[in-house]
Amino acid sequence: MSFARFLIALASALCAACAASPPRYTGVPEQRDFPFRLALLGRTAAGNGHPDVAARILRAVASEKPVFVLHTGALVAGRPARRVWDDFDRIGTPLIEADAPLFPVPGPGDLGGSEPPFRRAWRERFWSLDERRWFAFRHKNLMVVGLDTNLDDLGRRWKDQRDWLQETLRKADLEANVNLVIVLMHHAPYTNGKTAHARRLLRTFVPVLERSRKVRWIFSGASGAYERIRRDGKGWITTGGGGGKRTPVECDPPKRRFIDGFRHGPLRPFHYLRLTVEPTRFTLEMVALKDDGESFQVLDKVVEGKP
């Protein structure tokens, strides 16, 4: 083979490799004036859920031009890794086109247990979350904290994360320009879902969150539902209706574990959350997919602060 042909073959191979590279979803959020919006969702379960529903929800999220998007885990479900992550990339295209950075926390299925292809797929797509799967960043008066609640997978590193969380929230409580801290995790410490709530979190991360003055809302997504539970001035929100299998929640007062501020039946609609941030007011809306599978409506709304 001539040197010229070698260069052509090498260039073709590199182009093919680039074309096969997965998209990068994380990035630096665009600075915008108040008010600005962000979106939250969970349990898209690409590969083993309702792909049409997940795609419709992500298109709706992207159409709102959020400054960034948060995901409470269970992005994919099933195996093999390449197939399910390719499915996620297909439904996640609107986020790339809208230039809306995506910041997720992992559920167990996203990491595939000990399977390297799942972990590699995570690192490839969420490059800024490569070294560790917990993070914090500030955007104007808002701080976002993402936690990795796969404690068995973390081993002894869960203590490093707890210490990091304590220090991060201590600084946020002292920072005059931070008015609100929201926390993202996959497993739910407080839920009426059929899956048991994560009791181990009650001994590890929850006490740290409860001590912080500025942590107002904690979002989780292990349960395929929407719940709004209030405890000691903080909102514990479950948002897991992004297209995966929905799981019913207990609504009977004598049987449920916690009081749910969202009055609805056991099976909650597919949905995403919209958070509108102002200098001194924060509005959270639950945006549900209607039965027609196309249009959306706001079914729950919480406002904190004053205009």
C-alpha atoms as a PDB file:
ATOM      1  CA  MET A   1       0.000   0.000   0.000  1.00  0.00           C
ATOM      2  CA  SER A   2       1.323   3.416  -0.950  1.00  0.00           C
ATOM      3  CA  PHE A   3       1.770   6.090   1.711  1.00  0.00           C
ATOM      4  CA  ALA A   4      -1.030   8.162   0.153  1.00  0.00           C
ATOM      5  CA  ARG A   5      -3.443   5.220   0.298  1.00  0.00           C
ATOM      6  CA  PHE A   6      -2.390   4.591   3.894  1.00  0.00           C
ATOM      7  CA  LEU A   7      -3.256   8.163   4.828  1.00  0.00           C
ATOM      8  CA  ILE A   8      -6.631   7.880   3.096  1.00  0.00           C
ATOM      9  CA  ALA A   9      -7.401   4.615   4.918  1.00  0.00           C
ATOM     10  CA  LEU A  10      -6.315   6.118   8.239  1.00  0.00           C
ATOM     11  CA  ALA A  11      -8.471   9.215   7.702  1.00  0.00           C
ATOM     12  CA  SER A  12     -11.456   7.042   6.815  1.00  0.00           C
ATOM     13  CA  ALA A  13     -10.967   4.960   9.931  1.00  0.00           C
ATOM     14  CA  LEU A  14     -10.713   8.064  12.115  1.00  0.00           C
ATOM     15  CA  CYS A  15     -13.853   9.557  10.571  1.00  0.00           C
ATOM     16  CA  ALA A  16     -15.718   6.315  11.151  1.00  0.00           C
ATOM     17  CA  ALA A  17     -14.561   6.257  14.771  1.00  0.00           C
ATOM     18  CA  CYS A  18     -15.655   9.863  15.257  1.00  0.00           C
ATOM     19  CA  ALA A  19     -19.026   9.136  13.711  1.00  0.00           C
ATOM     20  CA  ALA A  20     -19.468   6.226  16.105  1.00  0.00           C
ATOM     21  CA  SER A  21     -18.549   8.280  19.157  1.00  0.00           C
ATOM     22  CA  PRO A  22     -21.458   8.850  21.530  1.00  0.00           C
ATOM     23  CA  PRO A  23     -22.680  12.397  22.153  1.00  0.00           C
ATOM     24  CA  ARG A  24     -21.436  14.396  25.128  1.00  0.00           C
ATOM     25  CA  TYR A  25     -24.352  15.643  27.189  1.00  0.00           C
ATOM     26  CA  THR A  26     -22.704  17.641  29.951  1.00  0.00           C
ATOM     27  CA  GLY A  27     -21.311  21.110  29.505  1.00  0.00           C
ATOM     28  CA  VAL A  28     -21.189  24.614  30.933  1.00  0.00           C
ATOM     29  CA  PRO A  29     -24.700  26.075  31.335  1.00  0.00           C
ATOM     30  CA  GLU A  30     -25.331  29.308  29.481  1.00  0.00           C
ATOM     31  CA  GLN A  31     -25.553  32.387  31.689  1.00  0.00           C
ATOM     32  CA  ARG A  32     -29.000  33.969  31.427  1.00  0.00           C
ATOM     33  CA  ASP A  33     -30.862  36.777  33.118  1.00  0.00           C
ATOM     34  CA  PHE A  34     -33.615  36.138  35.646  1.00  0.00           C
ATOM     35  CA  PRO A  35     -35.964  34.418  35.459  1.00  0.00           C
ATOM     36  CA  PHE A  36     -34.397  31.286  34.045  1.00  0.00           C
ATOM     37  CA  ARG A  37     -35.748  27.762  33.795  1.00  0.00           C
ATOM     38  CA  LEU A  38     -34.345  24.327  34.290  1.00  0.00           C
ATOM     39  CA  ALA A  39     -35.987  20.923  33.953  1.00  0.00           C
ATOM     40  CA  LEU A  40     -35.876  17.769  36.043  1.00  0.00           C
ATOM     41  CA  LEU A  41     -36.942  14.257  35.144  1.00  0.00           C
ATOM     42  CA  GLY A  42     -36.139  10.654  35.934  1.00  0.00           C
ATOM     43  CA  ARG A  43     -36.576   7.052  34.894  1.00  0.00           C
ATOM     44  CA  THR A  44     -36.479   7.416  31.118  1.00  0.00           C
ATOM     45  CA  ALA A  45     -35.446   3.722  31.109  1.00  0.00           C
ATOM     46  CA  ALA A  46     -34.305   3.728  27.488  1.00  0.00           C
ATOM     47  CA  GLY A  47     -34.140   0.192  26.135  1.00  0.00           C
ATOM     48  CA  ASN A  48     -36.894  -1.239  28.300  1.00  0.00           C
ATOM     49  CA  GLY A  49     -39.585   1.375  28.870  1.00  0.00           C
ATOM     50  CA  HIS A  50     -41.988   3.400  26.746  1.00  0.00           C
ATOM     51  CA  PRO A  51     -39.620   4.936  24.156  1.00  0.00           C
ATOM     52  CA  ASP A  52     -42.320   7.021  22.465  1.00  0.00           C
ATOM     53  CA  VAL A  53     -43.278   8.562  25.810  1.00  0.00           C
ATOM     54  CA  ALA A  54     -39.667   9.233  26.802  1.00  0.00           C
ATOM     55  CA  ALA A  55     -38.967  10.823  23.428  1.00  0.00           C
ATOM     56  CA  ARG A  56     -42.081  13.003  23.702  1.00  0.00           C
ATOM     57  CA  ILE A  57     -41.102  14.182  27.177  1.00  0.00           C
ATOM     58  CA  LEU A  58     -37.538  15.018  26.173  1.00  0.00           C
ATOM     59  CA  ARG A  59     -38.806  16.926  23.135  1.00  0.00           C
ATOM     60  CA  ALA A  60     -41.083  18.935  25.427  1.00  0.00           C
ATOM     61  CA  VAL A  61     -38.208  19.586  27.829  1.00  0.00           C
ATOM     62  CA  ALA A  62     -35.936  20.732  25.007  1.00  0.00           C
ATOM     63  CA  SER A  63     -38.630  23.006  23.572  1.00  0.00           C
ATOM     64  CA  GLU A  64     -38.605  25.048  26.787  1.00  0.00           C
ATOM     65  CA  LYS A  65     -34.929  25.911  26.227  1.00  0.00           C
ATOM     66  CA  PRO A  66     -33.890  25.148  29.817  1.00  0.00           C
ATOM     67  CA  VAL A  67     -30.545  26.451  30.948  1.00  0.00           C
ATOM     68  CA  PHE A  68     -29.782  22.847  31.954  1.00  0.00           C
ATOM     69  CA  VAL A  69     -31.547  19.553  32.653  1.00  0.00           C
ATOM     70  CA  LEU A  70     -31.244  17.328  35.731  1.00  0.00           C
ATOM     71  CA  HIS A  71     -31.944  13.589  35.726  1.00  0.00           C
ATOM     72  CA  THR A  72     -32.583  11.459  38.828  1.00  0.00           C
ATOM     73  CA  GLY A  73     -31.272   8.228  37.314  1.00  0.00           C
ATOM     74  CA  ALA A  74     -32.494   5.112  35.508  1.00  0.00           C
ATOM     75  CA  LEU A  75     -31.582   6.685  32.186  1.00  0.00           C
ATOM     76  CA  VAL A  76     -31.428   3.191  30.673  1.00  0.00           C
ATOM     77  CA  ALA A  77     -32.801  -0.230  31.524  1.00  0.00           C
ATOM     78  CA  GLY A  78     -31.909  -3.670  30.264  1.00  0.00           C
ATOM     79  CA  ARG A  79     -28.980  -5.091  28.321  1.00  0.00           C
ATOM     80  CA  PRO A  80     -26.707  -5.121  26.386  1.00  0.00           C
ATOM     81  CA  ALA A  81     -25.083  -1.793  27.178  1.00  0.00           C
ATOM     82  CA  ARG A  82     -24.556  -0.655  23.596  1.00  0.00           C
ATOM     83  CA  ARG A  83     -28.172  -1.222  22.609  1.00  0.00           C
ATOM     84  CA  VAL A  84     -29.769   0.545  25.582  1.00  0.00           C
ATOM     85  CA  TRP A  85     -27.380   3.506  25.468  1.00  0.00           C
ATOM     86  CA  ASP A  86     -27.914   3.823  21.719  1.00  0.00           C
ATOM     87  CA  ASP A  87     -31.636   3.973  22.502  1.00  0.00           C
ATOM     88  CA  PHE A  88     -30.994   6.751  25.012  1.00  0.00           C
ATOM     89  CA  ASP A  89     -28.954   8.685  22.471  1.00  0.00           C
ATOM     90  CA  ARG A  90     -31.873   8.529  20.044  1.00  0.00           C
ATOM     91  CA  ILE A  91     -34.387   9.947  22.492  1.00  0.00           C
ATOM     92  CA  GLY A  92     -31.806  12.397  23.878  1.00  0.00           C
ATOM     93  CA  THR A  93     -31.158  14.063  20.513  1.00  0.00           C
ATOM     94  CA  PRO A  94     -33.467  17.049  21.279  1.00  0.00           C
ATOM     95  CA  LEU A  95     -31.284  17.978  24.262  1.00  0.00           C
ATOM     96  CA  ILE A  96     -28.190  18.047  22.069  1.00  0.00           C
ATOM     97  CA  GLU A  97     -29.970  20.113  19.415  1.00  0.00           C
ATOM     98  CA  ALA A  98     -31.251  22.565  22.042  1.00  0.00           C
ATOM     99  CA  ASP A  99     -27.785  22.845  23.598  1.00  0.00           C
ATOM    100  CA  ALA A 100     -29.275  21.947  26.988  1.00  0.00           C
ATOM    101  CA  PRO A 101     -26.570  20.366  29.200  1.00  0.00           C
ATOM    102  CA  LEU A 102     -27.728  17.221  30.999  1.00  0.00           C
ATOM    103  CA  PHE A 103     -26.534  16.427  34.518  1.00  0.00           C
ATOM    104  CA  PRO A 104     -27.666  13.007  35.780  1.00  0.00           C
ATOM    105  CA  VAL A 105     -27.065  10.957  38.895  1.00  0.00           C
ATOM    106  CA  PRO A 106     -26.744   7.212  38.330  1.00  0.00           C
ATOM    107  CA  GLY A 107     -29.204   4.508  39.150  1.00  0.00           C
ATOM    108  CA  PRO A 108     -27.985   0.911  39.526  1.00  0.00           C
ATOM    109  CA  GLY A 109     -29.046  -0.002  35.984  1.00  0.00           C
ATOM    110  CA  ASP A 110     -27.110   2.907  34.496  1.00  0.00           C
ATOM    111  CA  LEU A 111     -23.886   1.375  35.793  1.00  0.00           C
ATOM    112  CA  GLY A 112     -24.816  -2.212  34.953  1.00  0.00           C
ATOM    113  CA  GLY A 113     -23.496  -3.584  38.213  1.00  0.00           C
ATOM    114  CA  SER A 114     -19.897  -4.567  37.570  1.00  0.00           C
ATOM    115  CA  GLU A 115     -20.160  -4.586  33.776  1.00  0.00           C
ATOM    116  CA  PRO A 116     -17.426  -2.373  32.232  1.00  0.00           C
ATOM    117  CA  PRO A 117     -19.433  -1.482  29.065  1.00  0.00           C
ATOM    118  CA  PHE A 118     -22.041   0.362  31.166  1.00  0.00           C
ATOM    119  CA  ARG A 119     -19.440   2.321  33.106  1.00  0.00           C
ATOM    120  CA  ARG A 120     -17.579   3.153  29.926  1.00  0.00           C
ATOM    121  CA  ALA A 121     -20.816   4.369  28.316  1.00  0.00           C
ATOM    122  CA  TRP A 122     -21.444   6.615  31.332  1.00  0.00           C
ATOM    123  CA  ARG A 123     -17.946   8.113  31.196  1.00  0.00           C
ATOM    124  CA  GLU A 124     -18.154   8.723  27.466  1.00  0.00           C
ATOM    125  CA  ARG A 125     -21.413  10.652  27.665  1.00  0.00           C
ATOM    126  CA  PHE A 126     -20.978  12.488  30.945  1.00  0.00           C
ATOM    127  CA  TRP A 127     -17.327  13.418  30.744  1.00  0.00           C
ATOM    128  CA  SER A 128     -17.414  15.956  33.572  1.00  0.00           C
ATOM    129  CA  LEU A 129     -18.640  13.210  35.922  1.00  0.00           C
ATOM    130  CA  ASP A 130     -15.784  10.853  35.057  1.00  0.00           C
ATOM    131  CA  GLU A 131     -13.656  10.760  38.183  1.00  0.00           C
ATOM    132  CA  ARG A 132     -16.545  10.632  40.625  1.00  0.00           C
ATOM    133  CA  ARG A 133     -20.273  10.400  40.218  1.00  0.00           C
ATOM    134  CA  TRP A 134     -21.215  13.168  42.640  1.00  0.00           C
ATOM    135  CA  PHE A 135     -21.004  16.846  41.845  1.00  0.00           C
ATOM    136  CA  ALA A 136     -22.017  20.394  42.734  1.00  0.00           C
ATOM    137  CA  PHE A 137     -22.219  23.563  40.704  1.00  0.00           C
ATOM    138  CA  ARG A 138     -23.653  27.012  41.145  1.00  0.00           C
ATOM    139  CA  HIS A 139     -25.733  28.977  38.654  1.00  0.00           C
ATOM    140  CA  LYS A 140     -26.508  32.520  39.794  1.00  0.00           C
ATOM    141  CA  ASN A 141     -28.339  32.178  43.138  1.00  0.00           C
ATOM    142  CA  LEU A 142     -28.948  28.432  42.756  1.00  0.00           C
ATOM    143  CA  MET A 143     -26.670  25.584  43.802  1.00  0.00           C
ATOM    144  CA  VAL A 144     -27.210  22.079  42.452  1.00  0.00           C
ATOM    145  CA  VAL A 145     -25.822  19.071  44.319  1.00  0.00           C
ATOM    146  CA  GLY A 146     -25.870  15.608  42.749  1.00  0.00           C
ATOM    147  CA  LEU A 147     -25.256  12.506  44.866  1.00  0.00           C
ATOM    148  CA  ASP A 148     -24.361   8.936  44.018  1.00  0.00           C
ATOM    149  CA  THR A 149     -26.604   6.852  46.270  1.00  0.00           C
ATOM    150  CA  ASN A 150     -25.416   3.456  44.999  1.00  0.00           C
ATOM    151  CA  LEU A 151     -23.797   2.892  48.368  1.00  0.00           C
ATOM    152  CA  ASP A 152     -22.952  -0.793  47.868  1.00  0.00           C
ATOM    153  CA  ASP A 153     -21.165   0.050  44.640  1.00  0.00           C
ATOM    154  CA  LEU A 154     -19.244   2.891  46.288  1.00  0.00           C
ATOM    155  CA  GLY A 155     -17.809   0.762  49.058  1.00  0.00           C
ATOM    156  CA  ARG A 156     -15.822   2.893  51.483  1.00  0.00           C
ATOM    157  CA  ARG A 157     -15.975   5.898  49.152  1.00  0.00           C
ATOM    158  CA  TRP A 158     -19.443   6.727  50.464  1.00  0.00           C
ATOM    159  CA  LYS A 159     -17.684   8.289  53.472  1.00  0.00           C
ATOM    160  CA  ASP A 160     -15.638  10.511  51.150  1.00  0.00           C
ATOM    161  CA  GLN A 161     -18.868  11.618  49.521  1.00  0.00           C
ATOM    162  CA  ARG A 162     -20.517  12.329  52.889  1.00  0.00           C
ATOM    163  CA  ASP A 163     -17.555  14.429  54.017  1.00  0.00           C
ATOM    164  CA  TRP A 164     -17.579  16.290  50.697  1.00  0.00           C
ATOM    165  CA  LEU A 165     -21.332  16.889  51.063  1.00  0.00           C
ATOM    166  CA  GLN A 166     -20.952  18.292  54.574  1.00  0.00           C
ATOM    167  CA  GLU A 167     -18.282  20.737  53.475  1.00  0.00           C
ATOM    168  CA  THR A 168     -20.146  21.751  50.301  1.00  0.00           C
ATOM    169  CA  LEU A 169     -23.345  22.534  52.192  1.00  0.00           C
ATOM    170  CA  ARG A 170     -21.487  24.306  54.982  1.00  0.00           C
ATOM    171  CA  LYS A 171     -19.974  26.697  52.455  1.00  0.00           C
ATOM    172  CA  ALA A 172     -23.307  27.155  50.689  1.00  0.00           C
ATOM    173  CA  ASP A 173     -25.025  28.091  53.944  1.00  0.00           C
ATOM    174  CA  LEU A 174     -22.392  30.820  54.448  1.00  0.00           C
ATOM    175  CA  GLU A 175     -22.457  32.063  50.857  1.00  0.00           C
ATOM    176  CA  ALA A 176     -24.571  35.224  50.679  1.00  0.00           C
ATOM    177  CA  ASN A 177     -25.242  34.874  46.949  1.00  0.00           C
ATOM    178  CA  VAL A 178     -26.720  31.362  47.243  1.00  0.00           C
ATOM    179  CA  ASN A 179     -30.438  31.490  48.019  1.00  0.00           C
ATOM    180  CA  LEU A 180     -31.463  27.933  47.196  1.00  0.00           C
ATOM    181  CA  VAL A 181     -29.787  24.529  47.189  1.00  0.00           C
ATOM    182  CA  ILE A 182     -31.466  21.597  45.452  1.00  0.00           C
ATOM    183  CA  VAL A 183     -30.202  18.049  45.773  1.00  0.00           C
ATOM    184  CA  LEU A 184     -30.432  15.235  43.255  1.00  0.00           C
ATOM    185  CA  MET A 185     -30.247  11.527  44.109  1.00  0.00           C
ATOM    186  CA  HIS A 186     -31.605   8.303  42.716  1.00  0.00           C
ATOM    187  CA  HIS A 187     -32.807   6.357  45.750  1.00  0.00           C
ATOM    188  CA  ALA A 188     -35.672   7.815  47.768  1.00  0.00           C
ATOM    189  CA  PRO A 189     -35.311   8.169  51.547  1.00  0.00           C
ATOM    190  CA  TYR A 190     -39.010   9.071  51.861  1.00  0.00           C
ATOM    191  CA  THR A 191     -41.605   7.546  49.549  1.00  0.00           C
ATOM    192  CA  ASN A 192     -44.948   5.760  49.581  1.00  0.00           C
ATOM    193  CA  GLY A 193     -43.911   3.767  46.546  1.00  0.00           C
ATOM    194  CA  LYS A 194     -44.125   0.008  46.449  1.00  0.00           C
ATOM    195  CA  THR A 195     -40.337  -0.184  46.461  1.00  0.00           C
ATOM    196  CA  ALA A 196     -38.935   0.152  49.966  1.00  0.00           C
ATOM    197  CA  HIS A 197     -37.479   3.523  50.800  1.00  0.00           C
ATOM    198  CA  ALA A 198     -33.707   3.658  51.159  1.00  0.00           C
ATOM    199  CA  ARG A 199     -33.245   3.246  54.898  1.00  0.00           C
ATOM    200  CA  ARG A 200     -29.458   3.353  54.705  1.00  0.00           C
ATOM    201  CA  LEU A 201     -29.621   6.900  53.365  1.00  0.00           C
ATOM    202  CA  LEU A 202     -31.399   7.903  56.573  1.00  0.00           C
ATOM    203  CA  ARG A 203     -28.176   7.137  58.458  1.00  0.00           C
ATOM    204  CA  THR A 204     -25.693   8.560  55.962  1.00  0.00           C
ATOM    205  CA  PHE A 205     -26.704  11.517  53.795  1.00  0.00           C
ATOM    206  CA  VAL A 206     -30.138  12.556  55.080  1.00  0.00           C
ATOM    207  CA  PRO A 207     -28.914  13.980  58.436  1.00  0.00           C
ATOM    208  CA  VAL A 208     -26.422  16.150  56.528  1.00  0.00           C
ATOM    209  CA  LEU A 209     -29.159  17.447  54.227  1.00  0.00           C
ATOM    210  CA  GLU A 210     -31.532  18.132  57.106  1.00  0.00           C
ATOM    211  CA  ARG A 211     -28.948  20.303  58.877  1.00  0.00           C
ATOM    212  CA  SER A 212     -28.478  22.631  55.915  1.00  0.00           C
ATOM    213  CA  ARG A 213     -30.516  25.850  56.017  1.00  0.00           C
ATOM    214  CA  LYS A 214     -30.563  26.374  52.263  1.00  0.00           C
ATOM    215  CA  VAL A 215     -31.394  22.859  51.066  1.00  0.00           C
ATOM    216  CA  ARG A 216     -35.094  23.199  50.237  1.00  0.00           C
ATOM    217  CA  TRP A 217     -35.894  20.453  47.739  1.00  0.00           C
ATOM    218  CA  ILE A 218     -34.425  16.968  47.403  1.00  0.00           C
ATOM    219  CA  PHE A 219     -35.290  15.097  44.205  1.00  0.00           C
ATOM    220  CA  SER A 220     -35.109  11.326  43.770  1.00  0.00           C
ATOM    221  CA  GLY A 221     -36.259   8.979  41.044  1.00  0.00           C
ATOM    222  CA  ALA A 222     -36.110   5.319  42.046  1.00  0.00           C
ATOM    223  CA  SER A 223     -39.900   5.077  42.149  1.00  0.00           C
ATOM    224  CA  GLY A 224     -41.710   5.447  38.826  1.00  0.00           C
ATOM    225  CA  ALA A 225     -44.062   8.106  40.176  1.00  0.00           C
ATOM    226  CA  TYR A 226     -44.410  11.691  41.345  1.00  0.00           C
ATOM    227  CA  GLU A 227     -44.653  12.453  45.069  1.00  0.00           C
ATOM    228  CA  ARG A 228     -44.272  15.630  47.106  1.00  0.00           C
ATOM    229  CA  ILE A 229     -43.528  14.851  50.738  1.00  0.00           C
ATOM    230  CA  ARG A 230     -42.835  17.624  53.246  1.00  0.00           C
ATOM    231  CA  ARG A 231     -40.647  17.033  56.287  1.00  0.00           C
ATOM    232  CA  ASP A 232     -39.120  19.666  58.595  1.00  0.00           C
ATOM    233  CA  GLY A 233     -39.482  22.451  56.060  1.00  0.00           C
ATOM    234  CA  LYS A 234     -37.921  20.554  53.166  1.00  0.00           C
ATOM    235  CA  GLY A 235     -39.608  19.051  50.131  1.00  0.00           C
ATOM    236  CA  TRP A 236     -38.722  15.464  49.245  1.00  0.00           C
ATOM    237  CA  ILE A 237     -39.805  15.135  45.634  1.00  0.00           C
ATOM    238  CA  THR A 238     -39.979  11.887  43.693  1.00  0.00           C
ATOM    239  CA  THR A 239     -39.841  12.364  39.943  1.00  0.00           C
ATOM    240  CA  GLY A 240     -39.625   9.088  38.059  1.00  0.00           C
ATOM    241  CA  GLY A 241     -42.183   9.468  35.291  1.00  0.00           C
ATOM    242  CA  GLY A 242     -39.885  10.045  32.323  1.00  0.00           C
ATOM    243  CA  GLY A 243     -40.994   7.076  30.239  1.00  0.00           C
ATOM    244  CA  GLY A 244     -40.001   4.013  32.226  1.00  0.00           C
ATOM    245  CA  LYS A 245     -42.333   1.615  33.977  1.00  0.00           C
ATOM    246  CA  ARG A 246     -44.597   3.447  36.393  1.00  0.00           C
ATOM    247  CA  THR A 247     -45.057   2.042  39.874  1.00  0.00           C
ATOM    248  CA  PRO A 248     -48.103   2.817  42.032  1.00  0.00           C
ATOM    249  CA  VAL A 249     -47.850   4.633  45.341  1.00  0.00           C
ATOM    250  CA  GLU A 250     -49.871   3.963  48.476  1.00  0.00           C
ATOM    251  CA  CYS A 251     -52.619   6.558  48.879  1.00  0.00           C
ATOM    252  CA  ASP A 252     -54.637   5.040  51.726  1.00  0.00           C
ATOM    253  CA  PRO A 253     -53.939   7.227  54.815  1.00  0.00           C
ATOM    254  CA  PRO A 254     -53.789   4.298  57.280  1.00  0.00           C
ATOM    255  CA  LYS A 255     -51.308   2.437  55.067  1.00  0.00           C
ATOM    256  CA  ARG A 256     -49.056   5.106  53.601  1.00  0.00           C
ATOM    257  CA  ARG A 257     -45.799   5.929  55.354  1.00  0.00           C
ATOM    258  CA  PHE A 258     -45.732   9.656  54.646  1.00  0.00           C
ATOM    259  CA  ILE A 259     -48.191  12.445  53.837  1.00  0.00           C
ATOM    260  CA  ASP A 260     -48.105  13.245  50.133  1.00  0.00           C
ATOM    261  CA  GLY A 261     -48.925  16.816  49.119  1.00  0.00           C
ATOM    262  CA  PHE A 262     -49.868  15.663  45.602  1.00  0.00           C
ATOM    263  CA  ARG A 263     -53.433  14.410  45.682  1.00  0.00           C
ATOM    264  CA  HIS A 264     -53.801  11.864  42.936  1.00  0.00           C
ATOM    265  CA  GLY A 265     -54.484   8.182  42.438  1.00  0.00           C
ATOM    266  CA  PRO A 266     -51.921   5.422  42.960  1.00  0.00           C
ATOM    267  CA  LEU A 267     -50.655   5.481  39.345  1.00  0.00           C
ATOM    268  CA  ARG A 268     -49.131   8.865  38.587  1.00  0.00           C
ATOM    269  CA  PRO A 269     -48.871  10.385  35.082  1.00  0.00           C
ATOM    270  CA  PHE A 270     -45.740  10.468  32.966  1.00  0.00           C
ATOM    271  CA  HIS A 271     -44.173  13.860  33.608  1.00  0.00           C
ATOM    272  CA  TYR A 272     -41.225  16.164  33.991  1.00  0.00           C
ATOM    273  CA  LEU A 273     -40.628  19.065  36.393  1.00  0.00           C
ATOM    274  CA  ARG A 274     -40.096  22.718  35.527  1.00  0.00           C
ATOM    275  CA  LEU A 275     -38.226  24.946  37.967  1.00  0.00           C
ATOM    276  CA  THR A 276     -38.351  28.698  37.381  1.00  0.00           C
ATOM    277  CA  VAL A 277     -35.692  30.616  39.307  1.00  0.00           C
ATOM    278  CA  GLU A 278     -35.970  34.292  40.249  1.00  0.00           C
ATOM    279  CA  PRO A 279     -33.781  36.312  42.624  1.00  0.00           C
ATOM    280  CA  THR A 280     -36.030  35.654  45.637  1.00  0.00           C
ATOM    281  CA  ARG A 281     -38.746  33.309  44.360  1.00  0.00           C
ATOM    282  CA  PHE A 282     -38.691  29.730  43.061  1.00  0.00           C
ATOM    283  CA  THR A 283     -41.578  28.030  41.290  1.00  0.00           C
ATOM    284  CA  LEU A 284     -41.738  24.258  40.841  1.00  0.00           C
ATOM    285  CA  GLU A 285     -44.305  22.779  38.447  1.00  0.00           C
ATOM    286  CA  MET A 286     -45.129  19.175  37.669  1.00  0.00           C
ATOM    287  CA  VAL A 287     -45.857  19.019  33.917  1.00  0.00           C
ATOM    288  CA  ALA A 288     -47.811  15.871  33.069  1.00  0.00           C
ATOM    289  CA  LEU A 289     -48.369  14.160  29.744  1.00  0.00           C
ATOM    290  CA  LYS A 290     -52.089  14.001  28.983  1.00  0.00           C
ATOM    291  CA  ASP A 291     -53.882  10.815  28.019  1.00  0.00           C
ATOM    292  CA  ASP A 292     -53.727  11.818  24.356  1.00  0.00           C
ATOM    293  CA  GLY A 293     -49.970  11.210  24.495  1.00  0.00           C
ATOM    294  CA  GLU A 294     -49.183  14.549  22.850  1.00  0.00           C
ATOM    295  CA  SER A 295     -50.122  17.545  25.009  1.00  0.00           C
ATOM    296  CA  PHE A 296     -49.080  18.488  28.528  1.00  0.00           C
ATOM    297  CA  GLN A 297     -50.690  20.148  31.529  1.00  0.00           C
ATOM    298  CA  VAL A 298     -49.473  21.427  34.904  1.00  0.00           C
ATOM    299  CA  LEU A 299     -50.922  19.227  37.647  1.00  0.00           C
ATOM    300  CA  ASP A 300     -48.966  20.473  40.654  1.00  0.00           C
ATOM    301  CA  LYS A 301     -47.325  23.772  41.550  1.00  0.00           C
ATOM    302  CA  VAL A 302     -45.274  24.963  44.525  1.00  0.00           C
ATOM    303  CA  VAL A 303     -43.993  28.521  45.017  1.00  0.00           C
ATOM    304  CA  GLU A 304     -41.399  29.492  47.610  1.00  0.00           C
ATOM    305  CA  GLY A 305     -40.234  33.016  48.364  1.00  0.00           C
ATOM    306  CA  LYS A 306     -41.581  36.390  47.318  1.00  0.00           C
ATOM    307  CA  PRO A 307     -41.321  38.243  43.991  1.00  0.00           C
END
